[in-house]
Amino acid sequence: MIRFVPDTNVVVSATIAREGAPGRVLRAWLDGKVELATSRALLRELERVLQRPRIREYQKLVPDEVSRLVELIAAAAVITPGRRLVRVVHDDPSDDFVLSAALETDADYVVTGDRHLLALGSYRGIRIVQPAEFLMLLEAE
């Protein structure tokens, strides 16, 4: 089964536009078509970002649903042990957590809208793609 690490921006976007590509990526995971992998650091970041007033203004979740989403991901995803940290994205070191999670979980893809990660194209055999491209790749499988 295809394993992917979603960047925080993908999950946040899915809470804002459920029918958009990020929402459909999350739906593919919920439907069991792909395996989601992440790390404790990324889960903490996700919860922080989802609680931001500016994000809460646009998302389709109430505060309790935010916690439940993070708990669902934590319970059902492949979680890294968090022992490995790479240093690759010098312009935005927080992006390194995404690559670290992908390496530690042997992910096939990183799905992101982040320009720093997308500029890499791939890292150690892990493809880095936008949500729409990931969906096309899934359809081709």
N, C-alpha and C. Protein backbone atom coordinates (compact mmCIF):
# COMPACT_ATOMS: atom_id res chain seq x y z
N MET A 1 0.84 -1.17 0.00
CA MET A 1 0.00 0.00 0.00
C MET A 1 0.89 1.25 0.00
N ILE A 2 0.44 2.27 -0.69
CA ILE A 2 1.18 3.52 -0.76
C ILE A 2 1.13 4.22 0.58
N ARG A 3 2.29 4.65 1.04
CA ARG A 3 2.39 5.37 2.30
C ARG A 3 2.83 6.80 2.01
N PHE A 4 2.15 7.76 2.64
CA PHE A 4 2.51 9.16 2.42
C PHE A 4 2.53 9.92 3.74
N VAL A 5 3.32 10.98 3.75
CA VAL A 5 3.35 11.91 4.87
C VAL A 5 2.74 13.21 4.37
N PRO A 6 1.62 13.61 4.96
CA PRO A 6 1.05 14.91 4.57
C PRO A 6 1.72 16.03 5.36
N ASP A 7 2.07 17.07 4.68
CA ASP A 7 2.56 18.26 5.38
C ASP A 7 1.37 18.87 6.12
N THR A 8 1.64 19.61 7.15
CA THR A 8 0.58 20.23 7.94
C THR A 8 -0.34 21.07 7.07
N ASN A 9 0.21 21.75 6.07
CA ASN A 9 -0.62 22.61 5.23
C ASN A 9 -1.68 21.83 4.46
N VAL A 10 -1.42 20.57 4.17
CA VAL A 10 -2.39 19.74 3.45
C VAL A 10 -3.57 19.40 4.36
N VAL A 11 -3.28 19.00 5.59
CA VAL A 11 -4.35 18.65 6.52
C VAL A 11 -5.17 19.89 6.88
N VAL A 12 -4.50 21.00 7.11
CA VAL A 12 -5.21 22.24 7.42
C VAL A 12 -6.10 22.63 6.24
N SER A 13 -5.58 22.56 5.04
CA SER A 13 -6.38 22.89 3.85
C SER A 13 -7.58 21.97 3.72
N ALA A 14 -7.42 20.71 4.11
CA ALA A 14 -8.53 19.75 4.04
C ALA A 14 -9.65 20.13 5.00
N THR A 15 -9.32 20.81 6.09
CA THR A 15 -10.37 21.23 7.03
C THR A 15 -11.09 22.48 6.54
N ILE A 16 -10.50 23.16 5.59
CA ILE A 16 -11.10 24.39 5.05
C ILE A 16 -11.91 24.08 3.79
N ALA A 17 -11.35 23.28 2.90
CA ALA A 17 -12.02 22.95 1.63
C ALA A 17 -12.03 21.43 1.48
N ARG A 18 -13.02 20.80 2.07
CA ARG A 18 -13.08 19.33 2.09
C ARG A 18 -13.17 18.70 0.71
N GLU A 19 -13.73 19.42 -0.24
CA GLU A 19 -13.87 18.87 -1.59
C GLU A 19 -12.69 19.17 -2.49
N GLY A 20 -11.76 19.97 -2.02
CA GLY A 20 -10.56 20.27 -2.79
C GLY A 20 -9.60 19.10 -2.76
N ALA A 21 -8.49 19.24 -3.47
CA ALA A 21 -7.50 18.15 -3.54
C ALA A 21 -7.00 17.73 -2.16
N PRO A 22 -6.66 18.65 -1.24
CA PRO A 22 -6.23 18.20 0.09
C PRO A 22 -7.30 17.39 0.82
N GLY A 23 -8.54 17.82 0.70
CA GLY A 23 -9.64 17.08 1.33
C GLY A 23 -9.79 15.69 0.74
N ARG A 24 -9.61 15.58 -0.57
CA ARG A 24 -9.72 14.27 -1.23
C ARG A 24 -8.53 13.37 -0.87
N VAL A 25 -7.36 13.96 -0.62
CA VAL A 25 -6.21 13.17 -0.16
C VAL A 25 -6.52 12.57 1.20
N LEU A 26 -7.05 13.38 2.10
CA LEU A 26 -7.40 12.88 3.43
C LEU A 26 -8.50 11.83 3.34
N ARG A 27 -9.45 12.03 2.44
CA ARG A 27 -10.53 11.07 2.25
C ARG A 27 -9.97 9.74 1.74
N ALA A 28 -8.99 9.77 0.86
CA ALA A 28 -8.38 8.53 0.37
C ALA A 28 -7.79 7.73 1.52
N TRP A 29 -7.18 8.45 2.48
CA TRP A 29 -6.65 7.77 3.67
C TRP A 29 -7.78 7.20 4.51
N LEU A 30 -8.81 8.00 4.76
CA LEU A 30 -9.93 7.55 5.59
C LEU A 30 -10.64 6.36 4.95
N ASP A 31 -10.63 6.30 3.62
CA ASP A 31 -11.25 5.19 2.89
C ASP A 31 -10.34 3.98 2.79
N GLY A 32 -9.13 4.05 3.34
CA GLY A 32 -8.22 2.92 3.34
C GLY A 32 -7.47 2.69 2.04
N LYS A 33 -7.43 3.69 1.18
CA LYS A 33 -6.74 3.54 -0.11
C LYS A 33 -5.24 3.78 -0.01
N VAL A 34 -4.83 4.53 1.01
CA VAL A 34 -3.43 4.86 1.25
C VAL A 34 -3.17 4.81 2.75
N GLU A 35 -1.90 4.77 3.09
CA GLU A 35 -1.50 4.75 4.49
C GLU A 35 -0.86 6.09 4.85
N LEU A 36 -1.36 6.73 5.87
CA LEU A 36 -0.83 8.01 6.31
C LEU A 36 0.23 7.77 7.37
N ALA A 37 1.34 8.47 7.25
CA ALA A 37 2.42 8.40 8.24
C ALA A 37 2.73 9.81 8.71
N THR A 38 3.13 9.92 9.95
CA THR A 38 3.44 11.24 10.52
C THR A 38 4.33 11.06 11.73
N SER A 39 4.56 12.15 12.44
CA SER A 39 5.38 12.11 13.64
C SER A 39 4.67 12.88 14.75
N ARG A 40 5.11 12.68 15.96
CA ARG A 40 4.55 13.43 17.10
C ARG A 40 4.78 14.93 16.90
N ALA A 41 5.94 15.30 16.37
CA ALA A 41 6.23 16.72 16.14
C ALA A 41 5.24 17.32 15.14
N LEU A 42 4.94 16.59 14.08
CA LEU A 42 3.99 17.09 13.09
C LEU A 42 2.58 17.14 13.66
N LEU A 43 2.21 16.19 14.50
CA LEU A 43 0.89 16.22 15.13
C LEU A 43 0.75 17.42 16.06
N ARG A 44 1.81 17.72 16.81
CA ARG A 44 1.77 18.90 17.69
C ARG A 44 1.64 20.18 16.86
N GLU A 45 2.40 20.24 15.76
CA GLU A 45 2.30 21.41 14.88
C GLU A 45 0.89 21.53 14.31
N LEU A 46 0.31 20.42 13.89
CA LEU A 46 -1.03 20.43 13.32
C LEU A 46 -2.04 20.97 14.32
N GLU A 47 -1.97 20.49 15.54
CA GLU A 47 -2.93 20.96 16.55
C GLU A 47 -2.75 22.45 16.81
N ARG A 48 -1.51 22.91 16.89
CA ARG A 48 -1.25 24.35 17.09
C ARG A 48 -1.82 25.19 15.95
N VAL A 49 -1.56 24.75 14.72
CA VAL A 49 -2.01 25.54 13.56
C VAL A 49 -3.54 25.53 13.47
N LEU A 50 -4.15 24.39 13.72
CA LEU A 50 -5.62 24.31 13.63
C LEU A 50 -6.31 25.17 14.70
N GLN A 51 -5.61 25.50 15.76
CA GLN A 51 -6.19 26.32 16.83
C GLN A 51 -5.99 27.82 16.60
N ARG A 52 -5.21 28.18 15.60
CA ARG A 52 -4.98 29.60 15.34
C ARG A 52 -6.30 30.30 14.97
N PRO A 53 -6.56 31.47 15.55
CA PRO A 53 -7.82 32.17 15.25
C PRO A 53 -8.05 32.39 13.76
N ARG A 54 -7.02 32.74 13.03
CA ARG A 54 -7.19 33.00 11.59
C ARG A 54 -7.60 31.72 10.84
N ILE A 55 -7.04 30.59 11.24
CA ILE A 55 -7.39 29.32 10.60
C ILE A 55 -8.80 28.90 11.03
N ARG A 56 -9.10 29.03 12.32
CA ARG A 56 -10.42 28.63 12.83
C ARG A 56 -11.53 29.42 12.16
N GLU A 57 -11.21 30.63 11.74
CA GLU A 57 -12.19 31.47 11.06
C GLU A 57 -12.66 30.84 9.74
N TYR A 58 -11.77 30.11 9.08
CA TYR A 58 -12.07 29.55 7.76
C TYR A 58 -12.40 28.07 7.75
N GLN A 59 -11.91 27.33 8.73
CA GLN A 59 -12.10 25.88 8.69
C GLN A 59 -13.54 25.49 9.00
N LYS A 60 -13.86 24.28 8.61
CA LYS A 60 -15.21 23.77 8.79
C LYS A 60 -15.32 22.91 10.05
N LEU A 61 -14.39 23.06 10.99
CA LEU A 61 -14.39 22.27 12.21
C LEU A 61 -14.63 23.15 13.43
N VAL A 62 -15.34 22.61 14.40
CA VAL A 62 -15.46 23.29 15.69
C VAL A 62 -14.29 22.81 16.54
N PRO A 63 -13.97 23.52 17.63
CA PRO A 63 -12.79 23.16 18.43
C PRO A 63 -12.71 21.69 18.85
N ASP A 64 -13.82 21.09 19.24
CA ASP A 64 -13.79 19.67 19.63
C ASP A 64 -13.41 18.78 18.45
N GLU A 65 -13.85 19.15 17.26
CA GLU A 65 -13.53 18.35 16.08
C GLU A 65 -12.05 18.44 15.74
N VAL A 66 -11.42 19.57 16.04
CA VAL A 66 -9.98 19.72 15.81
C VAL A 66 -9.23 18.67 16.63
N SER A 67 -9.54 18.60 17.91
CA SER A 67 -8.88 17.61 18.77
C SER A 67 -9.17 16.20 18.31
N ARG A 68 -10.40 15.94 17.90
CA ARG A 68 -10.75 14.59 17.43
C ARG A 68 -10.01 14.23 16.15
N LEU A 69 -9.82 15.18 15.25
CA LEU A 69 -9.08 14.92 14.02
C LEU A 69 -7.64 14.55 14.35
N VAL A 70 -7.01 15.32 15.21
CA VAL A 70 -5.62 15.04 15.59
C VAL A 70 -5.55 13.68 16.29
N GLU A 71 -6.50 13.37 17.15
CA GLU A 71 -6.53 12.07 17.84
C GLU A 71 -6.74 10.93 16.84
N LEU A 72 -7.61 11.14 15.86
CA LEU A 72 -7.85 10.11 14.84
C LEU A 72 -6.58 9.83 14.06
N ILE A 73 -5.90 10.88 13.65
CA ILE A 73 -4.64 10.69 12.91
C ILE A 73 -3.63 9.98 13.79
N ALA A 74 -3.52 10.41 15.05
CA ALA A 74 -2.55 9.79 15.97
C ALA A 74 -2.86 8.31 16.19
N ALA A 75 -4.13 7.96 16.23
CA ALA A 75 -4.53 6.57 16.50
C ALA A 75 -4.40 5.67 15.27
N ALA A 76 -4.64 6.23 14.10
CA ALA A 76 -4.73 5.39 12.90
C ALA A 76 -3.53 5.49 11.96
N ALA A 77 -2.68 6.46 12.16
CA ALA A 77 -1.53 6.64 11.26
C ALA A 77 -0.33 5.84 11.74
N VAL A 78 0.63 5.69 10.85
CA VAL A 78 1.94 5.14 11.23
C VAL A 78 2.70 6.31 11.84
N ILE A 79 3.13 6.17 13.08
CA ILE A 79 3.82 7.25 13.79
C ILE A 79 5.30 6.90 13.90
N THR A 80 6.14 7.85 13.55
CA THR A 80 7.59 7.63 13.63
C THR A 80 8.05 7.62 15.08
N PRO A 81 9.16 6.95 15.34
CA PRO A 81 9.73 7.04 16.68
C PRO A 81 10.35 8.41 16.94
N GLY A 82 10.62 9.18 15.90
CA GLY A 82 11.15 10.53 16.08
C GLY A 82 12.62 10.59 16.46
N ARG A 83 13.37 9.61 16.05
CA ARG A 83 14.79 9.56 16.40
C ARG A 83 15.70 10.21 15.36
N ARG A 84 15.17 10.43 14.19
CA ARG A 84 15.99 10.89 13.09
C ARG A 84 15.57 12.29 12.66
N LEU A 85 16.50 13.18 12.58
CA LEU A 85 16.19 14.52 12.09
C LEU A 85 17.19 14.88 11.00
N VAL A 86 16.65 15.18 9.85
CA VAL A 86 17.51 15.59 8.74
C VAL A 86 17.57 17.11 8.71
N ARG A 87 18.60 17.62 8.07
CA ARG A 87 18.74 19.06 7.89
C ARG A 87 18.97 19.31 6.41
N VAL A 88 17.87 19.60 5.74
CA VAL A 88 17.92 19.73 4.28
C VAL A 88 17.39 21.09 3.83
N VAL A 89 16.28 21.54 4.40
CA VAL A 89 15.61 22.75 3.95
C VAL A 89 16.13 23.94 4.77
N HIS A 90 17.16 24.56 4.26
CA HIS A 90 17.82 25.64 5.00
C HIS A 90 16.96 26.89 5.11
N ASP A 91 16.11 27.16 4.10
CA ASP A 91 15.26 28.34 4.13
C ASP A 91 14.09 28.21 5.11
N ASP A 92 13.73 26.98 5.46
CA ASP A 92 12.64 26.74 6.40
C ASP A 92 12.90 25.43 7.14
N PRO A 93 13.73 25.46 8.17
CA PRO A 93 14.11 24.23 8.88
C PRO A 93 12.95 23.43 9.45
N SER A 94 11.79 24.06 9.67
CA SER A 94 10.65 23.29 10.18
C SER A 94 10.16 22.26 9.15
N ASP A 95 10.48 22.49 7.88
CA ASP A 95 10.12 21.51 6.84
C ASP A 95 10.90 20.21 6.99
N ASP A 96 12.02 20.27 7.68
CA ASP A 96 12.83 19.07 7.88
C ASP A 96 12.08 17.99 8.68
N PHE A 97 11.12 18.40 9.52
CA PHE A 97 10.33 17.42 10.27
C PHE A 97 9.51 16.54 9.34
N VAL A 98 9.05 17.11 8.24
CA VAL A 98 8.26 16.35 7.26
C VAL A 98 9.16 15.30 6.60
N LEU A 99 10.34 15.72 6.18
CA LEU A 99 11.27 14.79 5.54
C LEU A 99 11.73 13.71 6.52
N SER A 100 11.96 14.10 7.76
CA SER A 100 12.38 13.13 8.78
C SER A 100 11.30 12.06 8.97
N ALA A 101 10.05 12.49 9.06
CA ALA A 101 8.95 11.54 9.23
C ALA A 101 8.85 10.61 8.02
N ALA A 102 9.03 11.16 6.84
CA ALA A 102 8.96 10.34 5.63
C ALA A 102 10.08 9.30 5.60
N LEU A 103 11.27 9.69 5.98
CA LEU A 103 12.39 8.75 6.02
C LEU A 103 12.17 7.65 7.06
N GLU A 104 11.76 8.06 8.25
CA GLU A 104 11.60 7.10 9.34
C GLU A 104 10.47 6.10 9.11
N THR A 105 9.48 6.49 8.34
CA THR A 105 8.34 5.59 8.11
C THR A 105 8.41 4.90 6.75
N ASP A 106 9.52 5.09 6.04
CA ASP A 106 9.65 4.52 4.70
C ASP A 106 8.50 4.93 3.79
N ALA A 107 8.13 6.19 3.84
CA ALA A 107 7.04 6.70 3.02
C ALA A 107 7.43 6.71 1.55
N ASP A 108 6.42 6.60 0.72
CA ASP A 108 6.62 6.69 -0.73
C ASP A 108 6.54 8.13 -1.21
N TYR A 109 5.71 8.93 -0.51
CA TYR A 109 5.45 10.31 -0.93
C TYR A 109 5.38 11.24 0.26
N VAL A 110 5.75 12.49 0.02
CA VAL A 110 5.41 13.61 0.88
C VAL A 110 4.42 14.41 0.05
N VAL A 111 3.28 14.73 0.65
CA VAL A 111 2.26 15.51 -0.04
C VAL A 111 2.21 16.88 0.63
N THR A 112 2.45 17.92 -0.16
CA THR A 112 2.61 19.25 0.40
C THR A 112 2.24 20.34 -0.59
N GLY A 113 2.00 21.51 -0.06
CA GLY A 113 1.85 22.70 -0.88
C GLY A 113 3.00 23.66 -0.64
N ASP A 114 3.96 23.23 0.16
CA ASP A 114 5.09 24.07 0.56
C ASP A 114 6.12 24.18 -0.57
N ARG A 115 6.43 25.39 -0.94
CA ARG A 115 7.34 25.60 -2.08
C ARG A 115 8.75 25.11 -1.81
N HIS A 116 9.20 25.19 -0.55
CA HIS A 116 10.56 24.72 -0.24
C HIS A 116 10.68 23.22 -0.45
N LEU A 117 9.68 22.49 0.01
CA LEU A 117 9.70 21.03 -0.17
C LEU A 117 9.48 20.66 -1.63
N LEU A 118 8.54 21.32 -2.28
CA LEU A 118 8.25 21.00 -3.69
C LEU A 118 9.47 21.26 -4.57
N ALA A 119 10.26 22.25 -4.22
CA ALA A 119 11.47 22.56 -5.01
C ALA A 119 12.45 21.40 -5.00
N LEU A 120 12.42 20.58 -3.96
CA LEU A 120 13.31 19.41 -3.90
C LEU A 120 12.91 18.34 -4.91
N GLY A 121 11.61 18.20 -5.16
CA GLY A 121 11.12 17.18 -6.09
C GLY A 121 11.11 15.79 -5.50
N SER A 122 12.18 15.43 -4.85
CA SER A 122 12.26 14.14 -4.15
C SER A 122 13.41 14.23 -3.15
N TYR A 123 13.39 13.30 -2.22
CA TYR A 123 14.46 13.23 -1.25
C TYR A 123 14.68 11.78 -0.88
N ARG A 124 15.87 11.28 -1.18
CA ARG A 124 16.24 9.89 -0.89
C ARG A 124 15.17 8.89 -1.37
N GLY A 125 14.69 9.12 -2.58
CA GLY A 125 13.73 8.21 -3.19
C GLY A 125 12.28 8.46 -2.83
N ILE A 126 12.03 9.45 -1.99
CA ILE A 126 10.65 9.80 -1.60
C ILE A 126 10.21 10.97 -2.48
N ARG A 127 9.16 10.75 -3.26
CA ARG A 127 8.68 11.82 -4.13
C ARG A 127 7.94 12.87 -3.33
N ILE A 128 8.12 14.11 -3.69
CA ILE A 128 7.46 15.24 -3.02
C ILE A 128 6.52 15.88 -4.04
N VAL A 129 5.22 15.80 -3.76
CA VAL A 129 4.21 16.21 -4.74
C VAL A 129 3.12 17.05 -4.09
N GLN A 130 2.43 17.79 -4.94
CA GLN A 130 1.25 18.53 -4.49
C GLN A 130 0.06 17.57 -4.37
N PRO A 131 -0.97 17.95 -3.61
CA PRO A 131 -2.13 17.07 -3.45
C PRO A 131 -2.77 16.63 -4.76
N ALA A 132 -2.95 17.52 -5.70
CA ALA A 132 -3.59 17.15 -6.97
C ALA A 132 -2.76 16.11 -7.73
N GLU A 133 -1.45 16.27 -7.72
CA GLU A 133 -0.59 15.30 -8.39
C GLU A 133 -0.66 13.94 -7.69
N PHE A 134 -0.69 13.96 -6.36
CA PHE A 134 -0.81 12.72 -5.60
C PHE A 134 -2.10 11.98 -5.97
N LEU A 135 -3.19 12.72 -6.09
CA LEU A 135 -4.46 12.10 -6.48
C LEU A 135 -4.38 11.48 -7.87
N MET A 136 -3.73 12.15 -8.79
CA MET A 136 -3.54 11.59 -10.15
C MET A 136 -2.73 10.32 -10.11
N LEU A 137 -1.69 10.32 -9.29
CA LEU A 137 -0.85 9.12 -9.15
C LEU A 137 -1.66 7.96 -8.56
N LEU A 138 -2.52 8.26 -7.62
CA LEU A 138 -3.38 7.21 -7.03
C LEU A 138 -4.34 6.64 -8.06
N GLU A 139 -4.89 7.50 -8.88
CA GLU A 139 -5.81 7.04 -9.93
C GLU A 139 -5.09 6.15 -10.93
N ALA A 140 -3.82 6.43 -11.18
CA ALA A 140 -3.05 5.66 -12.16
C ALA A 140 -2.66 4.28 -11.61
N GLU A 141 -2.68 4.11 -10.30
CA GLU A 141 -2.28 2.83 -9.67
C GLU A 141 -3.27 1.74 -10.00
